[in-house]
């Protein structure tokens, strides 16, 4: 039902699917099972080589949502094209490997009503494994975060925890004001969050768990080179900020720690790009992890 009413605004949910045949049905069904009644679901298969298309065609025949199949264009371009043909005043890009909890859309719509300053509403997540089982307490860092309102400096300077990507609901007006996503930046969420904040909107992160984030072997965050290149490319858009250099060096230090144990070549490259004046405890811990990793490799 494509009906735009003040009390029940239309929400466009966009799922861009790429080689997630093992997860896509659960993701689509979680949108179809929302308690909120006024949802437009757009699903785009972006050049999958597994059996995602057959699964989606079966689901589309059963439920009647909008399905498009295309050669691979990348996530940002795919999202922009979907937004251009969408009708909702609120837009929720959603991962084809994640799961919405049934009340998610209803909770966010109710919260955003009467708050035009909120450009993005988000919430907490629960982490599940590739089989859909809830993971242990160590993996649940984003399940119990309190409510917070973020401005640009809160996110850019990492003063408060940022929003969880599987829970983003964006105001269409804010999206159009910043020109939607940048096709040159393949890590779309950080870019759009900072862009909308720079326009003067806020991001309000609710304390409720709104979605399940699936941890599996091909998660984007596990690709160190991809994360490094695209986050730095995102930050470069905002290089006029007086703390820009401190921000990118803090990020490099964090990435050094994360990559030292599993990608020694990348970690060494990152270390070379951190001037001694920006070394801190994370730098030293990253170096220690590198040395430990090398020692284990040589003794094996």
Protein backbone atom coordinates (compact mmCIF):
# COMPACT_ATOMS: atom_id res chain seq x y z
CA UNK A 1 0.00 0.00 0.00
CA UNK A 2 1.65 3.24 -1.17
CA UNK A 3 -0.17 5.78 0.94
CA UNK A 4 1.49 8.84 2.48
CA UNK A 5 -0.43 9.94 5.60
CA UNK A 6 0.83 12.11 8.45
CA UNK A 7 0.02 9.47 11.08
CA UNK A 8 1.28 6.53 9.02
CA UNK A 9 4.03 7.74 6.68
CA UNK A 10 5.19 5.37 3.98
CA UNK A 11 8.52 3.71 4.79
CA UNK A 12 10.65 2.45 1.91
CA UNK A 13 12.85 -0.51 2.85
CA UNK A 14 15.64 -1.19 0.33
CA UNK A 15 17.44 -4.53 0.33
CA UNK A 16 20.39 -4.78 -2.05
CA UNK A 17 21.26 -8.47 -2.30
CA UNK A 18 24.66 -9.81 -3.37
CA UNK A 19 25.55 -13.50 -2.96
CA UNK A 20 23.59 -13.92 0.27
CA UNK A 21 21.46 -16.87 -0.78
CA UNK A 22 21.92 -18.44 2.65
CA UNK A 23 20.47 -15.38 4.40
CA UNK A 24 18.28 -13.41 1.98
CA UNK A 25 15.00 -15.22 2.67
CA UNK A 26 15.20 -14.53 6.40
CA UNK A 27 16.03 -10.90 5.70
CA UNK A 28 13.09 -10.38 3.32
CA UNK A 29 10.67 -12.23 5.61
CA UNK A 30 11.67 -10.04 8.54
CA UNK A 31 10.50 -7.00 6.56
CA UNK A 32 7.30 -8.68 5.43
CA UNK A 33 6.56 -9.60 9.06
CA UNK A 34 6.77 -6.04 10.40
CA UNK A 35 3.84 -4.89 12.52
CA UNK A 36 3.91 -1.49 10.80
CA UNK A 37 1.44 -1.63 7.89
CA UNK A 38 2.69 1.01 5.46
CA UNK A 39 5.92 -0.34 3.95
CA UNK A 40 7.21 -0.27 0.38
CA UNK A 41 9.80 -3.06 -0.08
CA UNK A 42 12.29 -2.71 -2.92
CA UNK A 43 14.68 -5.65 -3.42
CA UNK A 44 17.54 -5.47 -5.91
CA UNK A 45 19.82 -8.36 -6.73
CA UNK A 46 23.13 -6.74 -7.63
CA UNK A 47 24.73 -9.38 -9.83
CA UNK A 48 24.71 -12.40 -7.51
CA UNK A 49 26.40 -15.56 -8.81
CA UNK A 50 24.74 -17.92 -6.30
CA UNK A 51 21.07 -18.92 -6.32
CA UNK A 52 19.83 -15.67 -4.75
CA UNK A 53 17.84 -14.68 -7.83
CA UNK A 54 15.79 -17.90 -7.87
CA UNK A 55 15.04 -17.51 -4.16
CA UNK A 56 14.00 -13.89 -4.60
CA UNK A 57 11.82 -14.64 -7.62
CA UNK A 58 9.96 -17.27 -5.60
CA UNK A 59 9.47 -14.85 -2.71
CA UNK A 60 8.37 -12.07 -5.04
CA UNK A 61 5.80 -14.31 -6.70
CA UNK A 62 4.40 -15.16 -3.28
CA UNK A 63 4.43 -11.70 -1.69
CA UNK A 64 4.40 -9.21 -4.56
CA UNK A 65 7.19 -6.83 -3.53
CA UNK A 66 9.23 -4.87 -6.08
CA UNK A 67 12.15 -7.02 -7.34
CA UNK A 68 14.82 -5.99 -9.82
CA UNK A 69 17.75 -8.06 -11.06
CA UNK A 70 20.78 -6.28 -12.48
CA UNK A 71 24.44 -6.68 -13.33
CA UNK A 72 26.67 -5.63 -10.45
CA UNK A 73 26.74 -1.86 -9.91
CA UNK A 74 27.87 -1.65 -6.31
CA UNK A 75 25.87 -0.80 -3.21
CA UNK A 76 25.94 3.01 -3.29
CA UNK A 77 24.81 3.25 -6.92
CA UNK A 78 22.13 0.61 -6.33
CA UNK A 79 20.78 2.48 -3.30
CA UNK A 80 20.69 5.79 -5.19
CA UNK A 81 18.72 4.28 -8.06
CA UNK A 82 16.28 2.67 -5.64
CA UNK A 83 15.78 5.93 -3.73
CA UNK A 84 15.08 7.75 -7.00
CA UNK A 85 12.12 5.48 -7.75
CA UNK A 86 10.91 5.07 -4.17
CA UNK A 87 7.93 6.83 -2.60
CA UNK A 88 8.55 6.77 1.14
CA UNK A 89 9.23 9.85 3.24
CA UNK A 90 11.39 7.57 5.41
CA UNK A 91 13.99 5.21 3.91
CA UNK A 92 15.56 2.16 5.55
CA UNK A 93 18.46 0.55 3.64
CA UNK A 94 18.76 -2.97 5.02
CA UNK A 95 21.37 -5.69 4.70
CA UNK A 96 20.44 -8.89 2.90
CA UNK A 97 22.08 -10.89 5.69
CA UNK A 98 20.42 -9.18 8.69
CA UNK A 99 17.02 -9.54 10.38
CA UNK A 100 14.58 -6.86 11.56
CA UNK A 101 12.72 -7.45 14.79
CA UNK A 102 8.93 -7.26 14.20
CA UNK A 103 8.33 -3.90 15.93
CA UNK A 104 11.38 -2.17 14.45
CA UNK A 105 9.72 0.04 11.83
CA UNK A 106 6.76 0.93 14.07
CA UNK A 107 9.07 2.03 16.90
CA UNK A 108 11.19 4.24 14.67
CA UNK A 109 8.28 5.84 12.83
CA UNK A 110 6.60 6.70 16.13
CA UNK A 111 9.82 8.19 17.48
CA UNK A 112 10.56 10.34 14.41
CA UNK A 113 7.06 11.82 14.29
CA UNK A 114 7.18 15.50 15.14
CA UNK A 115 10.99 15.59 15.26
CA UNK A 116 12.08 17.17 11.94
CA UNK A 117 15.57 17.76 13.34
CA UNK A 118 16.21 13.99 13.43
CA UNK A 119 17.69 13.08 10.06
CA UNK A 120 18.45 9.49 11.04
CA UNK A 121 16.95 7.23 13.69
CA UNK A 122 18.74 4.05 14.73
CA UNK A 123 18.79 1.56 17.58
CA UNK A 124 20.68 -1.29 19.17
CA UNK A 125 21.44 -4.65 17.60
CA UNK A 126 21.79 -8.24 18.72
CA UNK A 127 24.53 -10.29 17.06
CA UNK A 128 23.72 -13.71 15.61
CA UNK A 129 26.00 -16.21 13.90
CA UNK A 130 25.75 -17.45 10.33
CA UNK A 131 23.19 -20.06 11.42
CA UNK A 132 20.94 -17.52 13.14
CA UNK A 133 21.94 -18.41 16.70
CA UNK A 134 22.36 -15.57 19.20
CA UNK A 135 26.05 -15.20 20.01
CA UNK A 136 27.63 -14.93 23.46
CA UNK A 137 28.03 -11.89 25.68
CA UNK A 138 31.44 -10.93 24.23
CA UNK A 139 29.88 -10.39 20.80
CA UNK A 140 26.96 -8.29 22.13
CA UNK A 141 28.71 -4.92 22.51
CA UNK A 142 25.82 -3.07 20.84
CA UNK A 143 22.87 -4.69 22.62
CA UNK A 144 22.69 -2.55 25.75
CA UNK A 145 23.81 0.92 24.62
CA UNK A 146 21.73 3.76 26.13
CA UNK A 147 19.83 6.37 24.12
CA UNK A 148 22.05 9.05 22.61
CA UNK A 149 21.71 12.02 20.27
CA UNK A 150 24.66 12.61 17.94
CA UNK A 151 25.81 15.74 16.18
CA UNK A 152 28.61 15.88 13.61
CA UNK A 153 31.47 16.16 16.09
CA UNK A 154 30.06 13.35 18.24
CA UNK A 155 30.43 10.94 15.32
CA UNK A 156 33.46 12.39 13.53
CA UNK A 157 35.50 12.66 16.73
CA UNK A 158 34.17 9.35 18.09
CA UNK A 159 32.85 11.04 21.24
CA UNK A 160 29.82 8.74 21.41
CA UNK A 161 29.13 5.27 19.96
CA UNK A 162 27.85 5.56 16.41
CA UNK A 163 24.61 4.08 15.05
CA UNK A 164 24.32 0.44 14.00
CA UNK A 165 23.98 0.13 10.23
CA UNK A 166 21.21 -2.54 10.30
CA UNK A 167 18.92 -0.10 12.13
CA UNK A 168 19.26 3.08 10.08
CA UNK A 169 16.06 4.91 9.14
CA UNK A 170 16.75 8.04 7.11
CA UNK A 171 14.52 11.01 6.46
CA UNK A 172 14.08 11.34 2.71
CA UNK A 173 14.36 15.12 2.90
CA UNK A 174 17.80 14.79 4.50
CA UNK A 175 18.94 12.21 1.94
CA UNK A 176 18.01 14.45 -0.97
CA UNK A 177 19.62 17.48 0.66
CA UNK A 178 23.04 15.75 0.69
CA UNK A 179 22.65 14.17 -2.75
CA UNK A 180 22.17 10.63 -1.40
CA UNK A 181 25.13 8.22 -1.46
CA UNK A 182 28.51 8.77 -3.11
CA UNK A 183 29.15 6.02 -5.72
CA UNK A 184 32.91 6.47 -5.23
CA UNK A 185 32.61 5.41 -1.57
CA UNK A 186 31.65 1.76 -1.22
CA UNK A 187 31.21 1.88 2.56
CA UNK A 188 27.95 3.75 2.41
CA UNK A 189 26.75 4.10 6.00
CA UNK A 190 29.52 6.24 7.57
CA UNK A 191 29.48 8.62 4.60
CA UNK A 192 25.73 9.22 4.66
CA UNK A 193 25.67 9.59 8.44
CA UNK A 194 28.39 12.27 8.45
CA UNK A 195 26.89 14.05 5.43
CA UNK A 196 23.45 14.32 7.02
CA UNK A 197 24.91 15.44 10.35
CA UNK A 198 26.92 18.15 8.60
CA UNK A 199 23.64 19.54 7.24
CA UNK A 200 22.55 20.21 10.82
CA UNK A 201 20.37 17.16 11.45
CA UNK A 202 20.85 14.83 14.41
CA UNK A 203 21.13 11.07 14.63
CA UNK A 204 19.05 9.71 17.50
CA UNK A 205 19.96 6.19 18.59
CA UNK A 206 17.24 4.47 20.61
CA UNK A 207 18.00 2.15 23.49
CA UNK A 208 15.87 -0.69 22.14
CA UNK A 209 17.22 -3.65 20.15
CA UNK A 210 15.72 -3.24 16.67
CA UNK A 211 17.58 -5.75 14.53
CA UNK A 212 19.83 -8.80 14.50
CA UNK A 213 23.22 -8.38 12.90
CA UNK A 214 24.59 -11.55 11.33
CA UNK A 215 28.27 -12.31 11.94
CA UNK A 216 29.58 -14.55 9.15
CA UNK A 217 32.84 -15.12 7.24
CA UNK A 218 32.20 -12.53 4.52
CA UNK A 219 31.14 -9.53 6.65
CA UNK A 220 32.46 -6.28 5.18
CA UNK A 221 34.20 -5.23 8.39
CA UNK A 222 36.44 -8.33 8.18
CA UNK A 223 37.99 -7.03 4.94
CA UNK A 224 40.73 -4.83 6.40
CA UNK A 225 41.88 -3.26 3.14
CA UNK A 226 38.31 -2.41 2.11
CA UNK A 227 37.57 -0.84 5.49
CA UNK A 228 40.79 1.16 5.56
CA UNK A 229 40.46 2.56 2.05
CA UNK A 230 36.78 3.45 2.24
CA UNK A 231 36.75 4.96 5.72
CA UNK A 232 39.76 7.12 4.83
CA UNK A 233 38.03 8.11 1.58
CA UNK A 234 34.95 9.05 3.62
CA UNK A 235 36.92 11.11 6.13
CA UNK A 236 38.67 12.92 3.25
CA UNK A 237 35.31 14.42 2.27
CA UNK A 238 35.40 16.27 5.59
CA UNK A 239 39.09 17.22 5.52
CA UNK A 240 38.24 20.87 6.26
CA UNK A 241 37.47 19.91 9.85
CA UNK A 242 40.22 21.21 12.19
CA UNK A 243 40.60 17.77 13.80
CA UNK A 244 40.83 15.89 10.50
CA UNK A 245 44.43 14.72 10.95
CA UNK A 246 43.79 13.53 14.51
CA UNK A 247 40.72 11.63 13.33
CA UNK A 248 42.48 9.72 10.56
CA UNK A 249 45.44 8.91 12.80
CA UNK A 250 43.12 7.59 15.51
CA UNK A 251 41.43 5.44 12.88
CA UNK A 252 44.78 4.13 11.59
CA UNK A 253 45.77 3.18 15.13
CA UNK A 254 42.52 1.28 15.59
CA UNK A 255 42.97 -0.51 12.26
CA UNK A 256 46.56 -1.40 13.18
CA UNK A 257 45.28 -3.22 16.26
CA UNK A 258 42.53 -4.98 14.31
CA UNK A 259 44.72 -6.15 11.43
CA UNK A 260 47.99 -6.99 13.24
CA UNK A 261 46.95 -10.55 14.05
CA UNK A 262 45.34 -11.52 10.75
CA UNK A 263 46.88 -9.37 7.99
CA UNK A 264 50.49 -8.58 8.88
CA UNK A 265 51.30 -7.00 5.50
CA UNK A 266 48.44 -4.51 5.80
CA UNK A 267 49.28 -3.82 9.44
CA UNK A 268 52.87 -2.93 8.52
CA UNK A 269 51.59 -0.55 5.82
CA UNK A 270 49.29 1.12 8.32
CA UNK A 271 52.10 1.46 10.87
CA UNK A 272 54.28 3.21 8.30
CA UNK A 273 51.55 5.82 7.83
CA UNK A 274 51.37 6.70 11.52
CA UNK A 275 53.93 9.39 12.45
CA UNK A 276 55.70 8.80 15.76
CA UNK A 277 53.97 11.87 17.20
CA UNK A 278 50.63 10.00 16.87
CA UNK A 279 51.77 6.80 18.52
CA UNK A 280 49.70 5.80 21.56
CA UNK A 281 48.74 2.70 23.53
CA UNK A 282 46.90 1.27 20.54
CA UNK A 283 50.03 1.66 18.40
CA UNK A 284 52.11 -0.23 20.95
CA UNK A 285 49.49 -2.94 21.31
CA UNK A 286 49.33 -3.29 17.53
CA UNK A 287 53.12 -3.61 17.32
CA UNK A 288 53.06 -6.22 20.10
CA UNK A 289 50.41 -8.20 18.22
CA UNK A 290 52.51 -8.03 15.07
CA UNK A 291 55.61 -9.29 16.85
CA UNK A 292 53.64 -12.06 18.56
CA UNK A 293 52.11 -13.09 15.25
CA UNK A 294 55.50 -13.26 13.56
CA UNK A 295 56.98 -15.25 16.45
CA UNK A 296 54.17 -17.80 16.21
CA UNK A 297 54.64 -18.04 12.44
CA UNK A 298 58.37 -18.65 12.75
CA UNK A 299 57.97 -21.25 15.49
CA UNK A 300 55.27 -23.19 13.67
